N, C-alpha and C. Protein backbone atom coordinates (compact mmCIF):
# COMPACT_ATOMS: atom_id res chain seq x y z
N UNK A 1 0.76 17.47 -9.16
CA UNK A 1 -0.72 16.69 -9.01
C UNK A 1 -1.37 17.86 -8.22
N UNK A 2 -2.59 18.26 -8.57
CA UNK A 2 -3.43 19.16 -7.86
C UNK A 2 -4.12 18.49 -6.81
N UNK A 3 -4.48 19.31 -5.78
CA UNK A 3 -5.26 18.61 -4.57
C UNK A 3 -6.44 17.96 -4.79
N UNK A 4 -7.13 18.46 -5.73
CA UNK A 4 -8.47 17.68 -6.05
C UNK A 4 -8.32 16.28 -6.70
N UNK A 5 -7.24 16.25 -7.60
CA UNK A 5 -6.85 14.99 -8.22
C UNK A 5 -6.46 14.00 -7.15
N UNK A 6 -5.46 14.48 -6.21
CA UNK A 6 -4.78 13.80 -5.10
C UNK A 6 -5.79 13.25 -4.01
N UNK A 7 -7.00 14.10 -3.83
CA UNK A 7 -8.02 13.74 -3.09
C UNK A 7 -8.77 12.73 -3.40
N UNK A 8 -8.99 12.81 -4.75
CA UNK A 8 -9.91 11.64 -5.46
C UNK A 8 -9.21 10.28 -5.61
N UNK A 9 -7.80 10.48 -5.78
CA UNK A 9 -6.82 9.37 -5.83
C UNK A 9 -7.00 8.64 -4.56
N UNK A 10 -6.96 9.35 -3.53
CA UNK A 10 -6.67 8.88 -2.06
C UNK A 10 -8.13 8.24 -1.83
N UNK A 11 -9.19 8.90 -2.10
CA UNK A 11 -10.42 8.24 -1.84
C UNK A 11 -10.71 6.94 -2.58
N UNK A 12 -10.37 6.96 -3.68
CA UNK A 12 -10.76 5.78 -4.75
C UNK A 12 -9.80 4.56 -4.17
N UNK A 13 -8.57 4.75 -3.74
CA UNK A 13 -7.72 3.59 -3.53
C UNK A 13 -7.97 3.28 -1.96
N UNK A 14 -8.30 4.30 -1.05
CA UNK A 14 -8.86 3.67 0.10
C UNK A 14 -9.99 2.89 0.17
N UNK A 15 -11.09 3.26 -0.69
CA UNK A 15 -12.13 2.50 -0.72
C UNK A 15 -11.79 0.97 -1.31
N UNK A 16 -10.85 0.82 -2.32
CA UNK A 16 -10.59 -0.37 -2.95
C UNK A 16 -9.70 -1.25 -1.81
N UNK A 17 -8.84 -0.62 -1.04
CA UNK A 17 -8.23 -1.17 0.10
C UNK A 17 -9.17 -1.72 1.18
N UNK A 18 -10.13 -0.84 1.34
CA UNK A 18 -11.25 -1.30 2.32
C UNK A 18 -11.84 -2.43 1.89
N UNK A 19 -12.27 -2.50 0.70
CA UNK A 19 -13.09 -3.56 0.01
C UNK A 19 -12.31 -4.82 -0.17
N UNK A 20 -10.87 -4.82 -0.36
CA UNK A 20 -10.11 -5.97 -0.64
C UNK A 20 -9.62 -6.45 1.00
N UNK A 21 -9.68 -5.77 1.66
CA UNK A 21 -9.17 -6.19 3.12
C UNK A 21 -9.62 -7.44 3.56
N UNK A 22 -11.00 -7.62 3.48
CA UNK A 22 -11.67 -8.86 3.96
C UNK A 22 -11.13 -10.12 3.25
N UNK A 23 -10.66 -9.87 1.89
CA UNK A 23 -10.18 -11.06 1.26
C UNK A 23 -8.74 -11.55 1.38
N UNK A 24 -7.99 -10.85 2.28
CA UNK A 24 -6.81 -11.13 2.72
C UNK A 24 -6.76 -12.25 3.77
N UNK A 25 -6.00 -13.32 3.59
CA UNK A 25 -6.06 -14.43 4.44
C UNK A 25 -5.13 -13.66 5.65
N UNK A 26 -5.43 -14.00 6.85
CA UNK A 26 -4.85 -13.52 8.12
C UNK A 26 -3.48 -14.60 8.50
N UNK A 27 -3.29 -15.65 8.01
CA UNK A 27 -2.27 -16.54 8.29
C UNK A 27 -1.01 -16.30 7.45
N UNK A 28 -1.21 -15.49 6.31
CA UNK A 28 -0.05 -15.33 5.30
C UNK A 28 0.80 -14.21 5.76
N UNK A 29 2.16 -14.24 6.07
CA UNK A 29 2.88 -12.95 6.46
C UNK A 29 2.93 -11.96 5.59
N UNK A 30 2.82 -12.31 4.14
CA UNK A 30 3.00 -11.14 3.19
C UNK A 30 1.85 -10.54 3.30
N UNK A 31 0.43 -10.97 3.48
CA UNK A 31 -0.75 -10.36 3.49
C UNK A 31 -0.96 -9.54 4.89
N UNK A 32 -0.25 -10.12 5.89
CA UNK A 32 -0.22 -9.45 7.13
C UNK A 32 0.77 -8.17 7.05
N UNK A 33 1.69 -8.46 6.33
CA UNK A 33 2.48 -7.05 6.06
C UNK A 33 1.82 -5.89 5.31
N UNK A 34 0.91 -6.35 4.21
CA UNK A 34 0.23 -5.45 3.59
C UNK A 34 -0.88 -4.69 4.65
N UNK A 35 -1.47 -5.60 5.35
CA UNK A 35 -2.18 -4.94 6.34
C UNK A 35 -1.69 -3.81 7.55
N UNK A 36 -0.55 -4.52 8.00
CA UNK A 36 0.30 -3.64 8.84
C UNK A 36 0.67 -2.30 8.31
N UNK A 37 1.09 -2.34 7.04
CA UNK A 37 1.56 -1.13 6.27
C UNK A 37 0.45 -0.17 6.09
N UNK A 38 -0.69 -0.82 5.84
CA UNK A 38 -1.94 0.00 5.66
C UNK A 38 -2.34 0.61 6.83
N UNK A 39 -2.18 0.06 8.14
CA UNK A 39 -2.60 0.59 9.31
C UNK A 39 -1.40 1.45 9.84
N UNK A 40 -0.25 1.32 9.16
CA UNK A 40 0.96 2.16 9.89
C UNK A 40 1.63 1.53 10.97
N UNK A 41 1.43 0.17 11.27
CA UNK A 41 1.97 -0.50 12.35
C UNK A 41 3.64 -0.91 12.23
N UNK A 42 4.39 0.24 12.42
CA UNK A 42 5.81 -0.02 12.08
C UNK A 42 6.39 -1.19 12.90
N UNK A 43 6.19 -1.27 14.22
CA UNK A 43 6.66 -2.49 14.95
C UNK A 43 6.27 -3.96 14.36
N UNK A 44 5.05 -3.95 13.96
CA UNK A 44 4.67 -5.18 13.21
C UNK A 44 5.20 -5.29 11.85
N UNK A 45 5.46 -4.26 11.15
CA UNK A 45 6.24 -4.40 9.83
C UNK A 45 7.62 -4.80 10.08
N UNK A 46 8.40 -4.15 10.95
CA UNK A 46 9.65 -4.63 11.33
C UNK A 46 9.71 -6.20 11.73
N UNK A 47 8.71 -6.59 12.41
CA UNK A 47 8.82 -7.90 12.92
C UNK A 47 8.56 -8.88 11.74
N UNK A 48 7.36 -8.64 11.00
CA UNK A 48 7.24 -9.40 9.87
C UNK A 48 8.24 -9.51 8.84
N UNK A 49 9.04 -8.22 8.56
CA UNK A 49 9.93 -8.32 7.63
C UNK A 49 11.32 -9.15 8.06
N UNK A 50 11.49 -9.00 9.43
CA UNK A 50 12.71 -9.81 9.84
C UNK A 50 12.39 -11.43 9.94
N UNK A 51 11.07 -11.49 9.92
CA UNK A 51 10.78 -12.86 9.92
C UNK A 51 10.40 -13.42 8.59
N UNK A 52 10.77 -12.67 7.51
CA UNK A 52 10.93 -13.34 6.21
C UNK A 52 9.80 -12.82 5.29
N UNK A 53 8.88 -11.90 5.68
CA UNK A 53 7.84 -11.57 4.68
C UNK A 53 8.54 -10.64 3.60
N UNK A 54 7.86 -10.62 2.31
CA UNK A 54 8.31 -10.17 1.14
C UNK A 54 7.91 -8.61 1.20
N UNK A 55 8.93 -7.91 1.29
CA UNK A 55 8.50 -6.31 1.14
C UNK A 55 8.01 -5.78 -0.11
N UNK A 56 7.97 -6.52 -1.10
CA UNK A 56 7.50 -6.33 -2.28
C UNK A 56 6.23 -7.40 -2.69
N UNK A 57 5.67 -8.04 -1.66
CA UNK A 57 4.56 -8.85 -2.08
C UNK A 57 3.49 -8.14 -2.57
N UNK A 58 2.44 -8.91 -3.44
CA UNK A 58 1.45 -8.37 -3.98
C UNK A 58 0.19 -9.20 -3.51
N UNK A 59 -0.82 -8.52 -3.12
CA UNK A 59 -2.20 -9.39 -2.92
C UNK A 59 -2.82 -9.67 -4.22
N UNK A 60 -3.86 -10.36 -4.23
CA UNK A 60 -4.52 -10.75 -5.47
C UNK A 60 -4.91 -9.68 -6.29
N UNK A 61 -5.13 -8.52 -5.70
CA UNK A 61 -5.31 -7.25 -6.52
C UNK A 61 -4.18 -6.41 -7.00
N UNK A 62 -2.90 -6.96 -6.68
CA UNK A 62 -1.68 -6.28 -7.04
C UNK A 62 -1.22 -5.15 -6.15
N UNK A 63 -2.02 -5.06 -5.03
CA UNK A 63 -1.47 -4.17 -3.86
C UNK A 63 -0.25 -4.71 -3.14
N UNK A 64 0.67 -3.67 -3.01
CA UNK A 64 1.95 -4.02 -2.26
C UNK A 64 1.79 -3.35 -1.04
N UNK A 65 2.83 -3.62 0.10
CA UNK A 65 2.85 -3.01 1.12
C UNK A 65 2.92 -1.52 1.08
N UNK A 66 3.89 -1.01 0.28
CA UNK A 66 4.24 0.20 0.15
C UNK A 66 2.93 0.93 -0.45
N UNK A 67 2.24 0.44 -1.46
CA UNK A 67 1.20 1.04 -2.00
C UNK A 67 0.04 1.14 -1.01
N UNK A 68 -0.03 0.22 -0.09
CA UNK A 68 -1.01 0.34 0.95
C UNK A 68 -0.87 1.37 1.84
N UNK A 69 0.47 1.45 2.24
CA UNK A 69 0.97 2.59 3.32
C UNK A 69 0.84 3.97 2.51
N UNK A 70 1.16 4.03 1.43
CA UNK A 70 1.16 5.54 0.65
C UNK A 70 -0.38 5.88 0.43
N UNK A 71 -1.23 4.94 0.25
CA UNK A 71 -2.55 5.13 -0.02
C UNK A 71 -3.14 5.89 1.25
N UNK A 72 -2.77 5.05 2.55
CA UNK A 72 -3.49 5.49 3.72
C UNK A 72 -2.72 6.69 4.43
N UNK A 73 -1.58 7.26 3.77
CA UNK A 73 -0.85 8.40 4.34
C UNK A 73 0.21 7.85 5.36
N UNK A 74 0.47 6.51 5.50
CA UNK A 74 1.39 6.10 6.71
C UNK A 74 3.01 6.46 6.30
N UNK A 75 3.19 7.61 6.49
CA UNK A 75 4.60 8.06 6.18
C UNK A 75 5.81 7.25 6.87
N UNK A 76 5.67 7.10 8.07
CA UNK A 76 6.58 6.21 8.82
C UNK A 76 6.59 4.88 8.26
N UNK A 77 5.59 4.20 7.97
CA UNK A 77 5.48 2.96 7.42
C UNK A 77 6.21 2.75 6.03
N UNK A 78 6.04 3.93 5.21
CA UNK A 78 6.66 4.14 3.96
C UNK A 78 8.20 4.11 4.03
N UNK A 79 8.53 4.74 5.09
CA UNK A 79 10.07 4.97 5.40
C UNK A 79 10.68 3.54 5.71
N UNK A 80 9.87 2.94 6.71
CA UNK A 80 10.50 1.55 7.00
C UNK A 80 10.44 0.49 5.80
N UNK A 81 9.40 0.63 5.04
CA UNK A 81 9.39 -0.32 3.85
C UNK A 81 10.47 0.13 2.90
N UNK A 82 10.80 1.24 2.72
CA UNK A 82 11.73 1.65 1.73
C UNK A 82 13.14 1.26 2.17
N UNK A 83 13.31 1.29 3.46
CA UNK A 83 14.66 1.13 4.28
C UNK A 83 14.82 -0.43 3.70
N UNK A 84 13.73 -1.17 3.83
CA UNK A 84 13.88 -2.74 3.45
C UNK A 84 13.90 -3.07 2.03
N UNK A 85 13.93 -2.04 1.15
CA UNK A 85 13.98 -2.30 -0.40
C UNK A 85 12.73 -2.20 -0.92
N UNK A 86 11.63 -1.65 -0.46
CA UNK A 86 10.36 -1.74 -1.05
C UNK A 86 10.41 -0.95 -2.48
N UNK A 87 9.75 -1.48 -3.57
CA UNK A 87 9.64 -0.79 -5.00
C UNK A 87 8.64 0.22 -4.78
N UNK A 88 8.57 1.28 -5.41
CA UNK A 88 7.53 2.46 -5.35
C UNK A 88 6.80 2.74 -6.41
N UNK A 89 7.23 1.91 -7.74
CA UNK A 89 6.58 2.11 -8.93
C UNK A 89 5.03 2.09 -8.87
N UNK A 90 4.57 1.23 -7.98
CA UNK A 90 3.08 0.90 -8.04
C UNK A 90 2.29 2.10 -7.73
N UNK A 91 2.73 3.07 -6.75
CA UNK A 91 2.25 4.35 -6.52
C UNK A 91 2.03 5.35 -7.53
N UNK A 92 3.14 5.31 -8.38
CA UNK A 92 3.14 6.22 -9.69
C UNK A 92 2.22 5.69 -10.66
N UNK A 93 2.15 4.33 -10.73
CA UNK A 93 1.03 3.82 -11.72
C UNK A 93 -0.29 4.25 -11.40
N UNK A 94 -0.63 4.19 -9.94
CA UNK A 94 -1.98 4.53 -9.66
C UNK A 94 -2.20 5.85 -9.84
N UNK A 95 -1.30 6.72 -9.47
CA UNK A 95 -1.36 8.23 -9.79
C UNK A 95 -1.46 8.48 -11.38
N UNK A 96 -0.77 7.76 -12.22
CA UNK A 96 -1.09 7.88 -13.64
C UNK A 96 -2.24 7.43 -14.17
N UNK A 97 -2.93 6.37 -13.54
CA UNK A 97 -4.21 5.91 -14.06
C UNK A 97 -5.17 6.90 -13.55
N UNK A 98 -5.10 7.56 -12.49
CA UNK A 98 -6.19 8.35 -11.76
C UNK A 98 -6.11 9.68 -12.59
N UNK A 99 -5.02 10.15 -12.84
CA UNK A 99 -4.74 11.29 -14.02
C UNK A 99 -5.47 10.92 -15.35
N UNK A 100 -5.13 9.98 -15.85
CA UNK A 100 -5.79 9.66 -17.26
C UNK A 100 -7.18 9.64 -16.96
N UNK A 101 -7.84 8.85 -15.98
CA UNK A 101 -9.22 8.86 -16.04
C UNK A 101 -9.82 10.21 -15.83
N UNK A 102 -9.31 10.98 -14.98
CA UNK A 102 -9.82 12.25 -14.66
C UNK A 102 -9.84 13.18 -15.97
N UNK A 103 -8.64 12.98 -16.84
CA UNK A 103 -8.46 13.57 -18.28
C UNK A 103 -9.46 13.25 -19.17
N UNK A 104 -10.04 12.26 -19.18
CA UNK A 104 -11.12 11.81 -20.15
C UNK A 104 -12.66 12.32 -19.98
């Protein structure tokens, strides 16, 4: 993937994450995990996962903790999530969609 495409992909997904953040309920541990992943808060991620949050939870827009972390460049959060069994397919799907959009 070239740098221009990756930059556009990151900008678009970061914009979507920011817009969707306000709609996430704060009392839900799965949604708190997505927010912690987005912010790279690894201590919070560990705590939430140990307390039973779903590492592959999706918010109403289909965002997972791993997708949120990868979109924001939170590499350590990505490592933690993968260690707990996070699926990474959503990142590839977003990259493919961005590539297809830019090809048209």
